[in-house]
């Protein structure tokens, strides 16, 4: 990052003096804070995390073996590992899904859903300071992102405050570079991305999506100028981009993840649990630390990045992460932080352009793809172990003193999964089958109640209310400012007044037809 890159529009104010040691609590202090929290949400300000439910933690943090139990749950080769046969190679794991019987495809989601979800996550939450597996007060922990869908990961604080992200020849536009054949995020000589949030270069798909949004903004600038836009064209373009993005979040992504009926219920009947006062919206730890981490289960072990990226014109296939890629200038895997002519995204694999090339996500269930149990340290913001993503997610429950999934289910009045649904946890101990860590519970809930196709019950309610709430409580969002607004930009196809991810990619000219492949 640039020294003044503006990880958030608030700059570095929230990070000053917010060392992790000052925020940690004893287990008893953490429990006291949880059980005295106000129902409906507790946070000191929008630039801190908070919590929604005034419920006790899922387990006794004083138990010396609890951490070991969580590490056992999330270990490589353990109960959460899909045990994909990586020796078969990245191509066969796509073309022969029967090779991974524990890691089923979800035909209702395209592969791009995962990475748009990751892009959204990075837009609203960035926890850089809380220590993993150490009880911490969320309401004193900085969120280095603004809690809303404002694309501060793309725009930072704007061209005046963060000029390094903007085109010096035309500061209404964002800075885009070439990766050799097609667009890439700007990079330094060492290949480090020059973008407001370094996490948007964790893998090739998320950096490709970031670059697509850079081009989308720049095309909107051109579109507005051609239409005779007067005044500040940057601000006008940014609003257009934000509102079309928010439309995608609410009208395309969220229904895929929680079901249209849940979205409709929240919009029509209101939020029941996530109810901060206007201007004090925040990211709850039940969302950040558990429920929204469902997306990790959707990640495939390998992807076809493009159809003709290799020098011989063949597709570029790779594992999402592969230890063999460490230190390579052009890694064999799909990690970020690299530039080569073949390292671009052919979006027809990830979103449905009607050409038969799209590929599905994995189901939302209690199995994660095997490469996620050996992350490169560069993909971890703190660069500290453990490198198993499942272990990191489970230790986060201690960090935030999270309640069990069962307790939240009972609190919100939905069906609760009880011990008989978690036989695999019996040997782990600590009463986890009947008081299950929230992240694992949400995955099991999706698996049992929705066939792994979407979230259900607790997970759907938390994710849905936070998404809708952030839009409703943001005075600049389309849902707050003009709920009847409809998208205005040209579509690839279909009736006017709607907008989908394939429309955004086509307008940005990163679609297959624009690239000729």
Protein backbone atom coordinates (compact mmCIF):
# COMPACT_ATOMS: atom_id res chain seq x y z
CA UNK A 1 0.00 0.00 0.00
CA UNK A 2 1.03 3.59 -0.50
CA UNK A 3 1.80 5.23 2.86
CA UNK A 4 -1.34 7.35 2.54
CA UNK A 5 -3.36 5.04 0.36
CA UNK A 6 -6.54 5.47 2.38
CA UNK A 7 -7.56 1.96 3.38
CA UNK A 8 -10.84 3.72 4.08
CA UNK A 9 -12.37 7.08 3.37
CA UNK A 10 -11.87 7.79 7.05
CA UNK A 11 -8.14 7.59 6.46
CA UNK A 12 -6.05 6.28 9.30
CA UNK A 13 -8.01 7.93 12.10
CA UNK A 14 -9.67 4.71 13.19
CA UNK A 15 -6.38 2.85 13.35
CA UNK A 16 -4.49 5.29 15.56
CA UNK A 17 -3.92 3.82 18.98
CA UNK A 18 -5.99 0.75 18.20
CA UNK A 19 -3.35 -1.86 18.92
CA UNK A 20 -4.63 -5.34 19.51
CA UNK A 21 -3.30 -5.51 23.06
CA UNK A 22 -5.54 -2.65 24.13
CA UNK A 23 -8.62 -4.41 22.80
CA UNK A 24 -8.27 -7.91 24.20
CA UNK A 25 -10.40 -9.16 27.06
CA UNK A 26 -10.27 -12.00 29.51
CA UNK A 27 -12.89 -14.70 28.84
CA UNK A 28 -14.93 -13.44 31.81
CA UNK A 29 -14.86 -9.87 30.51
CA UNK A 30 -15.87 -11.06 27.06
CA UNK A 31 -18.82 -12.99 28.49
CA UNK A 32 -19.95 -9.98 30.51
CA UNK A 33 -19.87 -7.78 27.43
CA UNK A 34 -21.89 -10.27 25.41
CA UNK A 35 -24.68 -10.85 27.89
CA UNK A 36 -25.14 -7.13 28.58
CA UNK A 37 -25.28 -6.11 24.90
CA UNK A 38 -28.48 -4.44 23.73
CA UNK A 39 -30.74 -6.48 21.51
CA UNK A 40 -30.82 -5.05 18.00
CA UNK A 41 -27.19 -4.08 17.89
CA UNK A 42 -24.32 -2.73 19.93
CA UNK A 43 -21.54 -0.66 18.40
CA UNK A 44 -19.91 2.55 19.50
CA UNK A 45 -19.82 4.02 15.97
CA UNK A 46 -19.95 3.00 12.30
CA UNK A 47 -16.17 2.68 12.19
CA UNK A 48 -16.20 -0.10 14.79
CA UNK A 49 -17.62 -3.58 14.75
CA UNK A 50 -20.61 -4.48 16.90
CA UNK A 51 -22.94 -7.32 17.71
CA UNK A 52 -26.63 -8.03 17.21
CA UNK A 53 -27.50 -10.74 19.73
CA UNK A 54 -27.15 -10.54 23.52
CA UNK A 55 -26.29 -14.21 23.90
CA UNK A 56 -23.54 -16.06 25.73
CA UNK A 57 -20.58 -17.51 23.79
CA UNK A 58 -20.91 -20.96 22.27
CA UNK A 59 -18.42 -22.54 24.70
CA UNK A 60 -16.39 -21.96 27.85
CA UNK A 61 -13.28 -20.11 26.75
CA UNK A 62 -11.56 -21.03 30.02
CA UNK A 63 -11.48 -24.67 28.91
CA UNK A 64 -7.82 -25.24 28.05
CA UNK A 65 -8.58 -27.70 25.25
CA UNK A 66 -11.17 -25.59 23.39
CA UNK A 67 -8.64 -24.05 21.03
CA UNK A 68 -7.23 -27.49 20.25
CA UNK A 69 -10.74 -28.78 19.58
CA UNK A 70 -11.40 -26.00 17.06
CA UNK A 71 -8.05 -26.60 15.42
CA UNK A 72 -8.97 -30.28 15.10
CA UNK A 73 -12.30 -29.36 13.48
CA UNK A 74 -10.56 -27.25 10.86
CA UNK A 75 -7.34 -29.15 10.25
CA UNK A 76 -6.14 -30.25 6.80
CA UNK A 77 -7.55 -33.68 6.08
CA UNK A 78 -10.11 -33.25 8.85
CA UNK A 79 -13.88 -33.27 8.94
CA UNK A 80 -14.27 -29.97 7.03
CA UNK A 81 -11.80 -30.90 4.26
CA UNK A 82 -13.49 -32.11 1.06
CA UNK A 83 -10.33 -34.15 0.40
CA UNK A 84 -10.26 -33.30 -3.26
CA UNK A 85 -7.78 -35.56 -5.11
CA UNK A 86 -5.43 -32.76 -6.10
CA UNK A 87 -3.10 -35.27 -7.76
CA UNK A 88 -5.68 -35.51 -10.56
CA UNK A 89 -4.79 -31.96 -11.57
CA UNK A 90 -6.84 -28.78 -11.98
CA UNK A 91 -8.45 -29.75 -15.30
CA UNK A 92 -9.87 -33.13 -14.29
CA UNK A 93 -11.30 -31.72 -11.05
CA UNK A 94 -13.47 -29.49 -13.26
CA UNK A 95 -14.31 -31.89 -16.08
CA UNK A 96 -14.81 -34.93 -13.84
CA UNK A 97 -16.84 -33.80 -10.80
CA UNK A 98 -17.27 -37.41 -9.68
CA UNK A 99 -13.64 -37.26 -8.52
CA UNK A 100 -14.76 -35.05 -5.60
CA UNK A 101 -17.82 -36.80 -4.14
CA UNK A 102 -17.55 -34.69 -0.96
CA UNK A 103 -17.50 -31.40 -2.89
CA UNK A 104 -20.68 -31.17 -4.94
CA UNK A 105 -21.45 -28.57 -7.60
CA UNK A 106 -24.22 -26.01 -7.17
CA UNK A 107 -25.88 -25.62 -10.55
CA UNK A 108 -27.92 -22.62 -9.32
CA UNK A 109 -24.81 -20.44 -8.87
CA UNK A 110 -22.18 -19.66 -11.47
CA UNK A 111 -18.53 -19.71 -10.44
CA UNK A 112 -18.40 -15.92 -10.42
CA UNK A 113 -20.86 -15.69 -7.53
CA UNK A 114 -18.04 -16.56 -5.15
CA UNK A 115 -15.80 -13.74 -6.27
CA UNK A 116 -18.49 -11.10 -6.54
CA UNK A 117 -19.35 -12.07 -2.97
CA UNK A 118 -15.71 -11.62 -1.99
CA UNK A 119 -15.61 -8.26 -3.75
CA UNK A 120 -18.72 -7.18 -1.79
CA UNK A 121 -17.21 -8.39 1.48
CA UNK A 122 -14.07 -6.35 0.96
CA UNK A 123 -16.23 -3.29 0.27
CA UNK A 124 -17.85 -3.29 3.71
CA UNK A 125 -15.50 -4.91 6.21
CA UNK A 126 -11.77 -5.01 6.90
CA UNK A 127 -10.59 -6.22 10.29
CA UNK A 128 -6.85 -5.68 10.48
CA UNK A 129 -6.31 -5.49 14.23
CA UNK A 130 -8.25 -8.14 16.16
CA UNK A 131 -6.00 -10.99 17.34
CA UNK A 132 -7.08 -14.40 16.13
CA UNK A 133 -8.38 -16.62 18.91
CA UNK A 134 -8.10 -14.00 21.67
CA UNK A 135 -11.34 -12.57 23.15
CA UNK A 136 -11.71 -9.02 21.86
CA UNK A 137 -14.32 -6.27 22.25
CA UNK A 138 -15.87 -5.72 18.80
CA UNK A 139 -17.25 -2.29 19.66
CA UNK A 140 -13.67 -1.12 20.24
CA UNK A 141 -12.25 -2.82 17.14
CA UNK A 142 -11.81 -0.67 14.00
CA UNK A 143 -13.48 -1.60 10.75
CA UNK A 144 -11.22 -0.11 8.10
CA UNK A 145 -13.99 -0.10 5.53
CA UNK A 146 -17.10 2.04 5.51
CA UNK A 147 -20.09 -0.16 6.49
CA UNK A 148 -21.99 0.08 3.24
CA UNK A 149 -21.91 -0.54 -0.48
CA UNK A 150 -20.01 2.57 -1.54
CA UNK A 151 -17.01 1.00 -3.32
CA UNK A 152 -14.41 2.66 -1.13
CA UNK A 153 -12.23 -0.32 -2.11
CA UNK A 154 -12.25 1.16 -5.62
CA UNK A 155 -12.47 4.92 -5.04
CA UNK A 156 -10.71 5.33 -1.67
CA UNK A 157 -11.14 9.02 -0.75
CA UNK A 158 -11.36 10.29 -4.31
CA UNK A 159 -8.86 11.81 -6.76
CA UNK A 160 -7.95 14.80 -4.60
CA UNK A 161 -7.00 12.81 -1.49
CA UNK A 162 -5.79 9.59 -3.14
CA UNK A 163 -4.42 10.57 -6.57
CA UNK A 164 -2.30 7.40 -6.82
CA UNK A 165 -5.43 5.45 -7.78
CA UNK A 166 -6.47 7.83 -10.58
CA UNK A 167 -5.36 8.48 -14.15
CA UNK A 168 -3.01 11.48 -14.00
CA UNK A 169 -4.03 12.44 -17.55
CA UNK A 170 -7.74 12.46 -16.65
CA UNK A 171 -8.46 12.48 -12.92
CA UNK A 172 -12.14 11.74 -13.48
CA UNK A 173 -10.97 8.25 -14.42
CA UNK A 174 -9.39 5.46 -12.45
CA UNK A 175 -5.94 4.15 -13.20
CA UNK A 176 -5.88 0.93 -15.24
CA UNK A 177 -2.86 -0.86 -16.69
CA UNK A 178 -2.30 -3.67 -19.17
CA UNK A 179 -1.36 -7.13 -17.98
CA UNK A 180 0.17 -7.92 -21.36
CA UNK A 181 -3.00 -8.69 -23.32
CA UNK A 182 -5.89 -7.30 -21.33
CA UNK A 183 -6.56 -5.03 -18.36
CA UNK A 184 -4.85 -5.39 -15.00
CA UNK A 185 -4.87 -3.42 -11.79
CA UNK A 186 -1.98 -0.94 -11.52
CA UNK A 187 1.17 -2.48 -10.08
CA UNK A 188 4.58 -1.45 -8.82
CA UNK A 189 7.75 -2.98 -10.18
CA UNK A 190 7.51 -5.74 -7.56
CA UNK A 191 3.96 -6.57 -8.80
CA UNK A 192 2.26 -5.24 -5.67
CA UNK A 193 -1.14 -3.86 -6.62
CA UNK A 194 -1.74 -0.11 -6.32
CA UNK A 195 -5.34 -0.31 -5.15
CA UNK A 196 -7.10 0.96 -2.00
CA UNK A 197 -7.51 -2.52 -0.49
CA UNK A 198 -4.71 -5.07 -0.98
CA UNK A 199 -7.14 -7.95 -0.43
CA UNK A 200 -8.55 -7.31 -3.90
CA UNK A 201 -5.36 -8.86 -5.25
CA UNK A 202 -5.53 -12.09 -3.21
CA UNK A 203 -6.38 -14.18 -6.25
CA UNK A 204 -6.61 -13.72 -10.00
CA UNK A 205 -10.41 -13.68 -10.02
CA UNK A 206 -10.80 -10.91 -7.44
CA UNK A 207 -8.08 -8.78 -9.06
CA UNK A 208 -9.78 -9.35 -12.42
CA UNK A 209 -13.08 -8.21 -10.96
CA UNK A 210 -11.44 -5.13 -9.46
CA UNK A 211 -9.93 -4.29 -12.86
CA UNK A 212 -13.36 -4.78 -14.46
CA UNK A 213 -14.85 -2.24 -12.05
CA UNK A 214 -12.05 0.21 -12.90
CA UNK A 215 -12.96 -0.10 -16.57
CA UNK A 216 -16.66 0.09 -15.76
CA UNK A 217 -16.20 3.44 -14.01
CA UNK A 218 -14.10 4.79 -16.87
CA UNK A 219 -16.69 3.73 -19.44
CA UNK A 220 -19.41 5.46 -17.39
CA UNK A 221 -17.30 8.65 -17.48
CA UNK A 222 -17.14 8.38 -21.28
CA UNK A 223 -20.88 7.65 -21.44
CA UNK A 224 -21.78 10.70 -19.35
CA UNK A 225 -19.48 13.00 -21.31
CA UNK A 226 -20.99 11.80 -24.58
CA UNK A 227 -24.43 12.61 -23.15
CA UNK A 228 -23.32 16.17 -22.33
CA UNK A 229 -22.82 15.78 -18.57
CA UNK A 230 -22.22 19.13 -16.90
CA UNK A 231 -20.39 19.77 -13.65
CA UNK A 232 -18.28 17.23 -11.78
CA UNK A 233 -18.26 14.20 -14.08
CA UNK A 234 -16.31 12.10 -11.57
CA UNK A 235 -18.99 12.47 -8.90
CA UNK A 236 -21.76 11.79 -11.40
CA UNK A 237 -19.99 8.67 -12.65
CA UNK A 238 -19.26 7.43 -9.16
CA UNK A 239 -22.93 7.71 -8.22
CA UNK A 240 -23.97 5.86 -11.37
CA UNK A 241 -21.47 3.09 -10.68
CA UNK A 242 -22.45 2.80 -7.03
CA UNK A 243 -26.17 2.62 -7.72
CA UNK A 244 -25.79 0.02 -10.48
CA UNK A 245 -23.51 -1.99 -8.17
CA UNK A 246 -26.04 -1.71 -5.33
CA UNK A 247 -28.73 -2.92 -7.70
CA UNK A 248 -26.61 -6.01 -8.47
CA UNK A 249 -26.09 -6.62 -4.75
CA UNK A 250 -29.79 -6.40 -3.90
CA UNK A 251 -31.45 -7.75 -7.04
CA UNK A 252 -29.02 -10.40 -8.32
CA UNK A 253 -26.55 -11.52 -5.66
CA UNK A 254 -28.65 -11.49 -2.48
CA UNK A 255 -31.57 -13.54 -3.92
CA UNK A 256 -29.07 -16.15 -5.11
CA UNK A 257 -27.59 -16.41 -1.62
CA UNK A 258 -30.64 -16.31 0.67
CA UNK A 259 -33.61 -16.85 -1.66
CA UNK A 260 -35.98 -14.28 -3.12
CA UNK A 261 -38.66 -14.98 -0.52
CA UNK A 262 -36.36 -13.96 2.35
CA UNK A 263 -35.30 -10.79 0.51
CA UNK A 264 -38.95 -9.93 -0.10
CA UNK A 265 -39.88 -10.58 3.53
CA UNK A 266 -37.18 -8.24 4.84
CA UNK A 267 -38.05 -5.49 2.38
CA UNK A 268 -41.80 -5.74 3.01
CA UNK A 269 -41.93 -6.50 6.73
CA UNK A 270 -38.76 -4.86 7.95
CA UNK A 271 -35.63 -5.92 9.77
CA UNK A 272 -36.34 -7.68 13.05
CA UNK A 273 -32.86 -8.02 14.56
CA UNK A 274 -30.32 -5.78 12.83
CA UNK A 275 -31.77 -2.41 13.80
CA UNK A 276 -29.12 0.25 14.45
CA UNK A 277 -30.26 3.85 14.48
CA UNK A 278 -29.88 5.85 11.28
CA UNK A 279 -26.33 7.01 10.77
CA UNK A 280 -24.97 4.40 13.18
CA UNK A 281 -25.01 1.34 10.93
CA UNK A 282 -22.17 -1.06 11.64
CA UNK A 283 -20.92 -4.52 10.71
CA UNK A 284 -21.99 -7.13 13.28
CA UNK A 285 -19.45 -9.77 14.28
CA UNK A 286 -22.11 -12.47 13.85
CA UNK A 287 -22.01 -11.47 10.17
CA UNK A 288 -18.31 -10.67 9.76
CA UNK A 289 -16.94 -13.50 11.87
CA UNK A 290 -19.29 -16.30 10.86
CA UNK A 291 -22.41 -15.99 8.70
CA UNK A 292 -20.87 -14.19 5.73
CA UNK A 293 -17.96 -16.62 5.67
CA UNK A 294 -20.29 -19.11 3.99
CA UNK A 295 -18.64 -18.17 0.70
CA UNK A 296 -15.54 -20.14 1.58
CA UNK A 297 -17.57 -23.31 1.02
CA UNK A 298 -18.45 -22.20 -2.54
CA UNK A 299 -14.82 -21.98 -3.71
CA UNK A 300 -13.79 -24.60 -6.26
CA UNK A 301 -10.39 -26.30 -5.90
CA UNK A 302 -9.50 -25.19 -9.43
CA UNK A 303 -10.77 -22.93 -12.19
CA UNK A 304 -10.42 -22.31 -15.88
CA UNK A 305 -9.23 -18.72 -15.75
CA UNK A 306 -9.70 -18.17 -19.48
CA UNK A 307 -10.28 -20.04 -22.73
CA UNK A 308 -7.14 -19.11 -24.65
CA UNK A 309 -4.64 -17.52 -22.30
CA UNK A 310 -1.64 -19.81 -22.69
CA UNK A 311 0.98 -18.98 -25.34
CA UNK A 312 -0.22 -21.91 -27.47
CA UNK A 313 -3.82 -20.66 -27.35
CA UNK A 314 -5.03 -23.25 -24.85
CA UNK A 315 -7.02 -22.45 -21.71
CA UNK A 316 -5.26 -21.46 -18.50
CA UNK A 317 -6.33 -23.84 -15.75
CA UNK A 318 -5.02 -23.64 -12.20
CA UNK A 319 -5.71 -24.50 -8.61
CA UNK A 320 -7.01 -21.57 -6.58
CA UNK A 321 -3.81 -21.93 -4.53
CA UNK A 322 -0.93 -24.35 -5.09
CA UNK A 323 2.27 -24.42 -2.99
CA UNK A 324 4.21 -25.00 -6.21
CA UNK A 325 3.34 -21.46 -7.26
CA UNK A 326 5.25 -19.87 -4.40
CA UNK A 327 7.97 -17.53 -5.67
CA UNK A 328 7.15 -17.98 -9.36
CA UNK A 329 6.94 -14.87 -11.53
CA UNK A 330 4.00 -16.42 -13.37
CA UNK A 331 2.62 -18.87 -10.80
CA UNK A 332 1.07 -22.16 -11.83
CA UNK A 333 -1.90 -21.37 -9.59
CA UNK A 334 -4.42 -18.53 -9.50
CA UNK A 335 -2.94 -16.52 -6.64
CA UNK A 336 -2.75 -12.76 -6.99
CA UNK A 337 0.28 -10.50 -6.88
CA UNK A 338 1.60 -11.48 -10.31
CA UNK A 339 1.46 -10.24 -13.88
CA UNK A 340 1.82 -12.22 -17.10
CA UNK A 341 0.06 -12.18 -20.46
CA UNK A 342 -2.01 -15.27 -19.60
CA UNK A 343 -3.15 -13.92 -16.21
CA UNK A 344 -6.53 -12.49 -17.12
CA UNK A 345 -10.10 -13.64 -16.57
CA UNK A 346 -12.31 -14.96 -19.34
CA UNK A 347 -15.61 -14.06 -17.73
CA UNK A 348 -17.68 -16.59 -19.70
CA UNK A 349 -16.44 -19.25 -17.25
CA UNK A 350 -17.74 -17.24 -14.30
CA UNK A 351 -20.99 -15.65 -15.51
CA UNK A 352 -23.56 -16.86 -18.01
CA UNK A 353 -23.16 -15.13 -21.38
CA UNK A 354 -25.35 -17.76 -23.04
CA UNK A 355 -22.49 -19.52 -24.85
CA UNK A 356 -22.45 -22.71 -22.78
CA UNK A 357 -19.05 -21.98 -21.23
CA UNK A 358 -20.15 -21.05 -17.70
CA UNK A 359 -19.17 -23.30 -14.80
CA UNK A 360 -20.91 -23.76 -11.42
CA UNK A 361 -19.96 -22.97 -7.85
CA UNK A 362 -19.56 -25.56 -5.14
CA UNK A 363 -22.45 -26.05 -2.72
CA UNK A 364 -22.75 -24.25 0.60
CA UNK A 365 -22.05 -27.08 3.01
CA UNK A 366 -19.61 -28.15 5.72
CA UNK A 367 -16.91 -29.14 3.21
CA UNK A 368 -14.27 -26.73 1.93
CA UNK A 369 -12.08 -27.34 -1.09
CA UNK A 370 -8.74 -28.86 -0.14
CA UNK A 371 -6.49 -26.00 -1.37
CA UNK A 372 -8.10 -23.73 1.26
CA UNK A 373 -6.39 -25.73 3.99
CA UNK A 374 -2.96 -24.56 2.85
CA UNK A 375 -3.26 -20.87 2.06
CA UNK A 376 -0.19 -18.91 0.97
CA UNK A 377 0.69 -16.42 3.69
CA UNK A 378 0.35 -13.63 1.12
CA UNK A 379 -3.39 -14.39 0.99
CA UNK A 380 -3.72 -13.80 4.75
CA UNK A 381 -3.90 -10.08 5.67
CA UNK A 382 -1.85 -10.60 8.85
CA UNK A 383 0.56 -13.02 7.10
CA UNK A 384 0.41 -15.18 10.24
CA UNK A 385 -0.56 -18.85 10.58
CA UNK A 386 -2.62 -20.96 10.73
CA UNK A 387 -2.88 -21.38 6.98
CA UNK A 388 -6.06 -23.48 7.15
CA UNK A 389 -8.98 -21.19 6.34
CA UNK A 390 -11.35 -23.41 8.35
CA UNK A 391 -9.15 -23.15 11.44
CA UNK A 392 -8.97 -19.38 11.07
CA UNK A 393 -12.76 -19.13 10.79
CA UNK A 394 -13.29 -21.24 13.90
CA UNK A 395 -10.74 -19.35 16.00
CA UNK A 396 -12.58 -16.15 15.05
CA UNK A 397 -15.45 -17.40 17.25
CA UNK A 398 -13.20 -17.00 20.28
CA UNK A 399 -12.06 -13.58 19.08
CA UNK A 400 -15.62 -12.25 18.97
CA UNK A 401 -17.19 -14.42 21.73
CA UNK A 402 -19.77 -15.59 19.22
CA UNK A 403 -22.91 -17.44 20.32
CA UNK A 404 -23.85 -20.86 19.02
CA UNK A 405 -26.00 -21.26 15.96
CA UNK A 406 -28.62 -23.05 18.04
CA UNK A 407 -28.99 -20.14 20.46
CA UNK A 408 -29.45 -17.66 17.63
CA UNK A 409 -31.97 -19.96 15.92
CA UNK A 410 -34.04 -20.07 19.09
CA UNK A 411 -33.70 -16.31 19.56
CA UNK A 412 -35.05 -15.52 16.10
CA UNK A 413 -37.68 -18.25 16.08
CA UNK A 414 -36.47 -20.52 13.28
CA UNK A 415 -35.88 -24.25 13.17
CA UNK A 416 -32.82 -25.18 15.22
CA UNK A 417 -30.45 -27.95 14.19
CA UNK A 418 -29.70 -30.05 17.24
CA UNK A 419 -27.06 -32.61 18.20
CA UNK A 420 -28.35 -35.33 15.87
CA UNK A 421 -27.42 -33.16 12.90
CA UNK A 422 -23.78 -32.97 14.00
CA UNK A 423 -22.61 -36.57 14.63
CA UNK A 424 -19.18 -35.68 13.26
CA UNK A 425 -18.64 -33.31 16.21
CA UNK A 426 -19.27 -35.90 18.94
CA UNK A 427 -15.61 -36.84 19.20
CA UNK A 428 -14.52 -33.18 19.31
CA UNK A 429 -16.18 -32.65 22.70
CA UNK A 430 -17.02 -29.38 24.46
CA UNK A 431 -20.72 -29.93 23.76
CA UNK A 432 -20.25 -28.69 20.20
CA UNK A 433 -22.98 -30.88 18.65
CA UNK A 434 -25.60 -29.01 20.69
CA UNK A 435 -23.76 -25.68 20.94
CA UNK A 436 -22.15 -25.38 17.54
CA UNK A 437 -19.81 -22.61 16.34
CA UNK A 438 -21.92 -20.23 14.29
CA UNK A 439 -19.92 -20.48 11.05
CA UNK A 440 -20.09 -24.28 10.99
CA UNK A 441 -23.75 -24.16 12.00
CA UNK A 442 -24.64 -21.83 9.11
CA UNK A 443 -22.94 -24.19 6.66
CA UNK A 444 -24.72 -27.24 8.07
CA UNK A 445 -28.01 -25.34 8.03
CA UNK A 446 -27.62 -24.59 4.32
CA UNK A 447 -26.67 -28.21 3.68
CA UNK A 448 -29.58 -29.75 5.61
CA UNK A 449 -32.38 -27.25 4.99
CA UNK A 450 -31.56 -25.96 1.49
CA UNK A 451 -29.58 -28.78 -0.12
CA UNK A 452 -26.48 -26.59 -0.16
CA UNK A 453 -28.01 -24.33 -2.81
CA UNK A 454 -28.41 -21.25 -0.58
CA UNK A 455 -28.38 -20.14 3.03
CA UNK A 456 -31.30 -20.97 5.31
CA UNK A 457 -32.66 -19.99 8.72
CA UNK A 458 -30.03 -18.21 10.81
CA UNK A 459 -27.57 -17.63 7.98
CA UNK A 460 -30.17 -16.24 5.60
CA UNK A 461 -31.65 -13.93 8.23
CA UNK A 462 -28.31 -12.48 9.38
CA UNK A 463 -26.94 -11.94 5.87
CA UNK A 464 -30.24 -10.62 4.53
CA UNK A 465 -30.90 -8.14 7.32
CA UNK A 466 -27.36 -6.76 7.25
CA UNK A 467 -27.38 -6.30 3.47
CA UNK A 468 -30.79 -4.65 3.38
CA UNK A 469 -30.05 -2.63 6.51
CA UNK A 470 -26.81 -1.22 5.15
CA UNK A 471 -28.64 -0.07 2.03
CA UNK A 472 -31.61 1.37 3.91
CA UNK A 473 -29.44 3.22 6.45
CA UNK A 474 -27.05 4.73 3.89
CA UNK A 475 -28.47 8.18 2.99
CA UNK A 476 -26.69 8.07 -0.39
CA UNK A 477 -27.86 4.62 -1.54
CA UNK A 478 -30.52 4.22 -4.20
CA UNK A 479 -32.73 2.29 -1.78
CA UNK A 480 -32.65 5.19 0.68
CA UNK A 481 -32.64 8.10 -1.78
CA UNK A 482 -34.94 6.83 -4.51
CA UNK A 483 -36.36 3.33 -3.89
CA UNK A 484 -38.21 3.35 -7.22
CA UNK A 485 -34.99 4.01 -9.19
CA UNK A 486 -34.18 1.61 -12.00
CA UNK A 487 -30.82 1.12 -13.75
CA UNK A 488 -30.23 3.46 -16.66
CA UNK A 489 -27.12 2.10 -18.36
CA UNK A 490 -27.41 0.08 -21.58
CA UNK A 491 -27.86 -3.67 -21.21
CA UNK A 492 -26.33 -6.54 -23.11
CA UNK A 493 -29.83 -7.87 -23.74
CA UNK A 494 -33.19 -7.95 -22.05
CA UNK A 495 -35.63 -5.22 -21.06
CA UNK A 496 -34.47 -1.81 -19.88
CA UNK A 497 -34.68 -1.01 -16.20
CA UNK A 498 -32.73 -4.03 -15.00
CA UNK A 499 -29.01 -4.74 -14.76
CA UNK A 500 -26.99 -7.93 -14.25
CA UNK A 501 -23.33 -8.74 -13.85
CA UNK A 502 -23.06 -9.75 -17.52
CA UNK A 503 -24.37 -6.26 -18.38
CA UNK A 504 -21.69 -4.62 -16.25
CA UNK A 505 -18.92 -6.73 -17.80
CA UNK A 506 -20.23 -6.04 -21.29
CA UNK A 507 -20.51 -2.29 -20.70
CA UNK A 508 -16.93 -2.35 -19.33
CA UNK A 509 -15.85 -4.16 -22.52
CA UNK A 510 -14.28 -7.08 -20.72
CA UNK A 511 -16.88 -9.53 -22.06
CA UNK A 512 -15.98 -12.37 -24.46
CA UNK A 513 -17.17 -10.54 -27.59
CA UNK A 514 -15.15 -7.42 -26.82
CA UNK A 515 -12.03 -9.53 -26.28
CA UNK A 516 -12.57 -11.83 -29.22
CA UNK A 517 -12.29 -14.91 -27.01
